[in-house]
Each structure stands twice: as C-alpha cells, then as structure tokens.
Amino acid sequence: VQLVESGGGLAQAGDSLKLSCAASGLTFSGVAMGWFRQGPGKQRDFVATISKTGRYTKYVDSVKGRFTISRDNALNTVYLQMNSLKPEDTAVYYCNVQYWNRHYWGQGTQVTVSS
C-alpha cells in the first residue's frame, strides 16, 4: 500500500488549500480513508474520515464547516478541501488507511498558515 499526499504549502489566514492523497496497492473503493495532522510539537490528531462510498463523513470539531473530505474512487484519490484557514491549522497533514488490520500513512504534506 502506498499513499502519496500533495497540495500543501503556504497560505494566509482565510485562504483555501486542497490536499490530495493518491492511493495504490489496495482496493480503494473497499476502504474508508482518513486525514490526520501533526502540528509543531504536538501529537498526530484525527481531522476527517470518509466512508467507502463517500456517503458518510466525520470531522474533528475544530474543522467542521471549514474542511470537506471527498473521494474519487475512479482515481483512487481522497481530497481535503480546506477553507477559511487559520494559523492553528498549521501542521503536517497525513493520509491514512486501515487495510487488513494495519494502518498505512503517507509521507505527509506541510501546510503553513500565517496570520
């Protein structure tokens, strides 16, 4: 299983960014996918998850109404649209999947939001 994130970068407060995670080596349409983030000096925390079909989503309270997780099963890709970014969103963002009882992570993509 390989997960490759992209789309991070520098942003100002209020800006938008869209992260992508391309997955390979698994039956993508058969698994839920998630995004996590790890801020400077912090532990890695849950951000959002999406069900196999994309029908169900769940978010951490701090991003509700600002972030949207989506997926394209034809492209084996999961996205994280981040709007109204805040400095506290600064973190390395990781794509995650649990496949055959094992968690897989991408290499992460840095998002830095300045005030």
N, C-alpha and C. Protein backbone atom coordinates (compact mmCIF):
# COMPACT_ATOMS: atom_id res chain seq x y z
N VAL A 1 0.85 -1.20 0.00
CA VAL A 1 0.00 0.00 0.00
C VAL A 1 0.88 1.24 0.00
N GLN A 2 0.53 2.17 -0.86
CA GLN A 2 1.26 3.43 -0.91
C GLN A 2 0.28 4.59 -0.96
N LEU A 3 0.55 5.58 -0.12
CA LEU A 3 -0.26 6.78 -0.06
C LEU A 3 0.65 7.97 -0.32
N VAL A 4 0.27 8.83 -1.26
CA VAL A 4 1.10 9.98 -1.61
C VAL A 4 0.26 11.24 -1.54
N GLU A 5 0.60 12.09 -0.56
CA GLU A 5 -0.11 13.35 -0.40
C GLU A 5 0.52 14.45 -1.23
N SER A 6 -0.29 15.43 -1.58
CA SER A 6 0.18 16.62 -2.28
C SER A 6 -0.78 17.75 -2.02
N GLY A 7 -0.35 18.96 -2.37
CA GLY A 7 -1.23 20.11 -2.28
C GLY A 7 -0.98 21.05 -1.12
N GLY A 8 -0.06 20.69 -0.25
CA GLY A 8 0.25 21.57 0.86
C GLY A 8 1.02 22.80 0.40
N GLY A 9 1.24 23.72 1.34
CA GLY A 9 2.01 24.91 1.01
C GLY A 9 1.78 26.01 2.02
N LEU A 10 2.15 27.22 1.59
CA LEU A 10 1.99 28.40 2.44
C LEU A 10 0.67 29.08 2.12
N ALA A 11 -0.01 29.53 3.15
CA ALA A 11 -1.27 30.23 2.97
C ALA A 11 -1.40 31.31 4.03
N GLN A 12 -2.25 32.26 3.76
CA GLN A 12 -2.57 33.27 4.76
C GLN A 12 -3.91 32.93 5.40
N ALA A 13 -4.12 33.43 6.56
CA ALA A 13 -5.39 33.20 7.25
C ALA A 13 -6.55 33.61 6.34
N GLY A 14 -7.53 32.72 6.24
CA GLY A 14 -8.67 32.97 5.38
C GLY A 14 -8.58 32.35 4.01
N ASP A 15 -7.37 31.92 3.64
CA ASP A 15 -7.16 31.30 2.34
C ASP A 15 -7.71 29.88 2.30
N SER A 16 -7.64 29.30 1.12
CA SER A 16 -8.06 27.90 0.92
C SER A 16 -6.93 27.10 0.31
N LEU A 17 -6.87 25.83 0.66
CA LEU A 17 -5.97 24.87 0.04
C LEU A 17 -6.72 23.57 -0.14
N LYS A 18 -6.31 22.80 -1.15
CA LYS A 18 -6.92 21.48 -1.36
C LYS A 18 -5.82 20.43 -1.39
N LEU A 19 -5.89 19.51 -0.47
CA LEU A 19 -4.93 18.42 -0.40
C LEU A 19 -5.47 17.21 -1.16
N SER A 20 -4.55 16.46 -1.73
CA SER A 20 -4.89 15.22 -2.42
C SER A 20 -4.06 14.09 -1.86
N CYS A 21 -4.62 12.90 -1.90
CA CYS A 21 -3.89 11.70 -1.48
C CYS A 21 -4.18 10.60 -2.50
N ALA A 22 -3.16 10.23 -3.24
CA ALA A 22 -3.30 9.17 -4.24
C ALA A 22 -2.90 7.84 -3.61
N ALA A 23 -3.78 6.86 -3.71
CA ALA A 23 -3.55 5.56 -3.08
C ALA A 23 -3.32 4.49 -4.15
N SER A 24 -2.46 3.55 -3.81
CA SER A 24 -2.21 2.42 -4.69
C SER A 24 -1.92 1.18 -3.86
N GLY A 25 -2.06 0.03 -4.48
CA GLY A 25 -1.75 -1.22 -3.79
C GLY A 25 -2.86 -1.74 -2.91
N LEU A 26 -4.05 -1.22 -3.09
CA LEU A 26 -5.20 -1.67 -2.31
C LEU A 26 -6.48 -1.50 -3.11
N THR A 27 -7.52 -2.15 -2.62
CA THR A 27 -8.83 -1.98 -3.24
C THR A 27 -9.45 -0.71 -2.67
N PHE A 28 -9.19 0.38 -3.32
CA PHE A 28 -9.52 1.70 -2.78
C PHE A 28 -11.00 1.85 -2.46
N SER A 29 -11.85 1.38 -3.34
CA SER A 29 -13.29 1.54 -3.14
C SER A 29 -13.83 0.69 -2.00
N GLY A 30 -12.99 -0.15 -1.44
CA GLY A 30 -13.43 -1.02 -0.37
C GLY A 30 -13.03 -0.56 1.01
N VAL A 31 -12.42 0.61 1.12
CA VAL A 31 -11.92 1.06 2.42
C VAL A 31 -12.31 2.50 2.70
N ALA A 32 -12.50 2.78 4.00
CA ALA A 32 -12.63 4.16 4.43
C ALA A 32 -11.26 4.82 4.41
N MET A 33 -11.24 6.11 4.25
CA MET A 33 -9.99 6.86 4.22
C MET A 33 -10.04 8.01 5.23
N GLY A 34 -8.90 8.42 5.69
CA GLY A 34 -8.87 9.49 6.66
C GLY A 34 -7.72 10.46 6.47
N TRP A 35 -7.87 11.61 7.07
CA TRP A 35 -6.81 12.62 7.16
C TRP A 35 -6.52 12.88 8.62
N PHE A 36 -5.22 13.00 8.93
CA PHE A 36 -4.75 13.36 10.25
C PHE A 36 -3.78 14.52 10.08
N ARG A 37 -3.44 15.16 11.17
CA ARG A 37 -2.44 16.23 11.12
C ARG A 37 -1.62 16.25 12.39
N GLN A 38 -0.40 16.75 12.24
CA GLN A 38 0.50 16.86 13.38
C GLN A 38 1.12 18.23 13.36
N GLY A 39 0.71 19.04 14.34
CA GLY A 39 1.26 20.37 14.46
C GLY A 39 2.61 20.36 15.15
N PRO A 40 3.34 21.48 15.11
CA PRO A 40 4.67 21.56 15.74
C PRO A 40 4.60 21.20 17.22
N GLY A 41 5.37 20.21 17.61
CA GLY A 41 5.42 19.81 19.00
C GLY A 41 4.17 19.13 19.53
N LYS A 42 3.31 18.68 18.62
CA LYS A 42 2.06 18.06 19.03
C LYS A 42 1.98 16.62 18.54
N GLN A 43 1.03 15.90 19.06
CA GLN A 43 0.80 14.54 18.59
C GLN A 43 -0.01 14.59 17.30
N ARG A 44 -0.04 13.46 16.60
CA ARG A 44 -0.82 13.36 15.38
C ARG A 44 -2.30 13.17 15.75
N ASP A 45 -3.15 14.02 15.20
CA ASP A 45 -4.56 14.03 15.56
C ASP A 45 -5.46 13.79 14.35
N PHE A 46 -6.60 13.22 14.62
CA PHE A 46 -7.61 12.98 13.60
C PHE A 46 -8.18 14.30 13.08
N VAL A 47 -8.41 14.36 11.76
CA VAL A 47 -9.03 15.53 11.15
C VAL A 47 -10.39 15.16 10.54
N ALA A 48 -10.37 14.14 9.68
CA ALA A 48 -11.61 13.79 8.96
C ALA A 48 -11.51 12.37 8.43
N THR A 49 -12.68 11.77 8.22
CA THR A 49 -12.72 10.45 7.62
C THR A 49 -13.91 10.37 6.68
N ILE A 50 -13.81 9.47 5.70
CA ILE A 50 -14.87 9.31 4.71
C ILE A 50 -15.09 7.82 4.47
N SER A 51 -16.35 7.44 4.33
CA SER A 51 -16.68 6.04 4.13
C SER A 51 -16.30 5.58 2.73
N LYS A 52 -16.44 4.28 2.50
CA LYS A 52 -16.02 3.67 1.24
C LYS A 52 -16.68 4.33 0.03
N THR A 53 -17.95 4.62 0.15
CA THR A 53 -18.68 5.19 -0.99
C THR A 53 -18.66 6.71 -0.98
N GLY A 54 -18.23 7.28 0.13
CA GLY A 54 -18.24 8.73 0.27
C GLY A 54 -19.52 9.27 0.86
N ARG A 55 -20.42 8.37 1.20
CA ARG A 55 -21.72 8.83 1.70
C ARG A 55 -21.61 9.41 3.10
N TYR A 56 -20.70 8.84 3.91
CA TYR A 56 -20.59 9.28 5.31
C TYR A 56 -19.25 9.93 5.55
N THR A 57 -19.28 11.04 6.27
CA THR A 57 -18.06 11.74 6.65
C THR A 57 -18.12 12.11 8.12
N LYS A 58 -16.94 12.34 8.68
CA LYS A 58 -16.86 12.75 10.08
C LYS A 58 -15.67 13.69 10.22
N TYR A 59 -15.82 14.71 11.07
CA TYR A 59 -14.77 15.71 11.23
C TYR A 59 -14.51 15.98 12.70
N VAL A 60 -13.29 16.40 12.99
CA VAL A 60 -13.00 16.93 14.31
C VAL A 60 -13.71 18.28 14.42
N ASP A 61 -14.14 18.61 15.61
CA ASP A 61 -14.96 19.81 15.79
C ASP A 61 -14.27 21.08 15.26
N SER A 62 -12.97 21.16 15.40
CA SER A 62 -12.26 22.40 15.06
C SER A 62 -12.27 22.71 13.56
N VAL A 63 -12.60 21.74 12.72
CA VAL A 63 -12.60 21.99 11.28
C VAL A 63 -13.99 21.91 10.66
N LYS A 64 -14.97 21.56 11.45
CA LYS A 64 -16.34 21.45 10.93
C LYS A 64 -16.79 22.78 10.32
N GLY A 65 -17.37 22.68 9.12
CA GLY A 65 -17.83 23.87 8.43
C GLY A 65 -16.76 24.57 7.62
N ARG A 66 -15.50 24.16 7.79
CA ARG A 66 -14.40 24.77 7.04
C ARG A 66 -13.72 23.76 6.10
N PHE A 67 -13.60 22.53 6.54
CA PHE A 67 -12.93 21.50 5.75
C PHE A 67 -13.96 20.53 5.19
N THR A 68 -13.67 20.00 4.00
CA THR A 68 -14.54 18.99 3.39
C THR A 68 -13.68 17.85 2.84
N ILE A 69 -13.98 16.66 3.29
CA ILE A 69 -13.29 15.48 2.77
C ILE A 69 -14.15 14.87 1.66
N SER A 70 -13.50 14.42 0.61
CA SER A 70 -14.21 13.79 -0.50
C SER A 70 -13.29 12.75 -1.13
N ARG A 71 -13.85 11.97 -2.04
CA ARG A 71 -13.03 10.94 -2.68
C ARG A 71 -13.53 10.70 -4.09
N ASP A 72 -12.61 10.21 -4.91
CA ASP A 72 -12.93 9.80 -6.27
C ASP A 72 -12.44 8.37 -6.42
N ASN A 73 -13.33 7.42 -6.35
CA ASN A 73 -12.92 6.02 -6.39
C ASN A 73 -12.39 5.61 -7.76
N ALA A 74 -12.75 6.34 -8.78
CA ALA A 74 -12.21 6.04 -10.12
C ALA A 74 -10.73 6.43 -10.22
N LEU A 75 -10.34 7.41 -9.42
CA LEU A 75 -8.96 7.89 -9.44
C LEU A 75 -8.15 7.40 -8.25
N ASN A 76 -8.79 6.63 -7.37
CA ASN A 76 -8.10 6.16 -6.15
C ASN A 76 -7.51 7.32 -5.36
N THR A 77 -8.29 8.37 -5.22
CA THR A 77 -7.79 9.59 -4.59
C THR A 77 -8.80 10.12 -3.58
N VAL A 78 -8.28 10.57 -2.45
CA VAL A 78 -9.08 11.24 -1.44
C VAL A 78 -8.57 12.67 -1.32
N TYR A 79 -9.49 13.58 -1.05
CA TYR A 79 -9.18 15.01 -1.02
C TYR A 79 -9.55 15.61 0.34
N LEU A 80 -8.93 16.73 0.64
CA LEU A 80 -9.31 17.52 1.79
C LEU A 80 -9.31 18.98 1.35
N GLN A 81 -10.51 19.52 1.15
CA GLN A 81 -10.67 20.93 0.82
C GLN A 81 -10.68 21.72 2.12
N MET A 82 -9.75 22.63 2.24
CA MET A 82 -9.61 23.41 3.48
C MET A 82 -9.88 24.87 3.18
N ASN A 83 -10.95 25.39 3.73
CA ASN A 83 -11.32 26.79 3.55
C ASN A 83 -11.17 27.55 4.86
N SER A 84 -11.16 28.86 4.75
CA SER A 84 -11.05 29.72 5.94
C SER A 84 -9.94 29.24 6.87
N LEU A 85 -8.78 29.05 6.30
CA LEU A 85 -7.66 28.52 7.07
C LEU A 85 -7.28 29.46 8.21
N LYS A 86 -6.82 28.86 9.29
CA LYS A 86 -6.39 29.60 10.48
C LYS A 86 -4.95 29.22 10.80
N PRO A 87 -4.23 30.07 11.48
CA PRO A 87 -2.85 29.73 11.85
C PRO A 87 -2.77 28.41 12.63
N GLU A 88 -3.78 28.11 13.42
CA GLU A 88 -3.77 26.86 14.18
C GLU A 88 -3.96 25.62 13.31
N ASP A 89 -4.24 25.81 12.02
CA ASP A 89 -4.29 24.68 11.09
C ASP A 89 -2.91 24.28 10.60
N THR A 90 -1.90 25.06 10.95
CA THR A 90 -0.53 24.75 10.55
C THR A 90 -0.12 23.38 11.09
N ALA A 91 0.27 22.50 10.18
CA ALA A 91 0.62 21.13 10.56
C ALA A 91 1.10 20.38 9.32
N VAL A 92 1.66 19.21 9.58
CA VAL A 92 1.87 18.25 8.50
C VAL A 92 0.61 17.40 8.42
N TYR A 93 0.05 17.31 7.24
CA TYR A 93 -1.19 16.57 7.04
C TYR A 93 -0.88 15.20 6.41
N TYR A 94 -1.46 14.18 7.02
CA TYR A 94 -1.20 12.81 6.60
C TYR A 94 -2.50 12.13 6.16
N CYS A 95 -2.37 11.36 5.10
CA CYS A 95 -3.44 10.49 4.65
C CYS A 95 -3.30 9.15 5.38
N ASN A 96 -4.43 8.52 5.66
CA ASN A 96 -4.39 7.28 6.44
C ASN A 96 -5.42 6.28 5.92
N VAL A 97 -5.04 5.01 5.97
CA VAL A 97 -5.99 3.95 5.68
C VAL A 97 -5.69 2.76 6.56
N GLN A 98 -6.71 2.08 7.01
CA GLN A 98 -6.56 0.82 7.71
C GLN A 98 -6.93 -0.28 6.74
N TYR A 99 -5.95 -1.15 6.44
CA TYR A 99 -6.15 -2.17 5.42
C TYR A 99 -5.61 -3.48 5.94
N TRP A 100 -6.46 -4.49 5.99
CA TRP A 100 -6.07 -5.78 6.53
C TRP A 100 -5.43 -5.64 7.91
N ASN A 101 -6.14 -4.87 8.78
CA ASN A 101 -5.76 -4.69 10.18
C ASN A 101 -4.41 -3.99 10.37
N ARG A 102 -4.00 -3.24 9.40
CA ARG A 102 -2.75 -2.48 9.52
C ARG A 102 -3.01 -1.05 9.04
N HIS A 103 -2.44 -0.11 9.78
CA HIS A 103 -2.57 1.28 9.40
C HIS A 103 -1.43 1.69 8.47
N TYR A 104 -1.79 2.38 7.41
CA TYR A 104 -0.80 2.90 6.47
C TYR A 104 -0.87 4.43 6.44
N TRP A 105 0.29 5.04 6.30
CA TRP A 105 0.40 6.50 6.29
C TRP A 105 1.17 6.95 5.06
N GLY A 106 0.82 8.15 4.57
CA GLY A 106 1.64 8.77 3.57
C GLY A 106 2.81 9.48 4.20
N GLN A 107 3.58 10.17 3.37
CA GLN A 107 4.77 10.88 3.87
C GLN A 107 4.41 12.22 4.48
N GLY A 108 3.19 12.67 4.22
CA GLY A 108 2.73 13.93 4.77
C GLY A 108 2.99 15.11 3.84
N THR A 109 2.17 16.13 3.99
CA THR A 109 2.35 17.37 3.24
C THR A 109 2.19 18.54 4.20
N GLN A 110 3.12 19.47 4.15
CA GLN A 110 3.15 20.58 5.11
C GLN A 110 2.17 21.68 4.70
N VAL A 111 1.39 22.10 5.65
CA VAL A 111 0.51 23.26 5.48
C VAL A 111 0.91 24.29 6.53
N THR A 112 1.23 25.48 6.07
CA THR A 112 1.62 26.56 6.97
C THR A 112 0.73 27.76 6.71
N VAL A 113 0.05 28.20 7.76
CA VAL A 113 -0.89 29.31 7.64
C VAL A 113 -0.38 30.47 8.48
N SER A 114 -0.18 31.61 7.85
CA SER A 114 0.28 32.80 8.56
C SER A 114 -0.89 33.73 8.83
N SER A 115 -0.72 34.48 9.89
CA SER A 115 -1.81 35.40 10.29
C SER A 115 -1.69 36.73 9.58
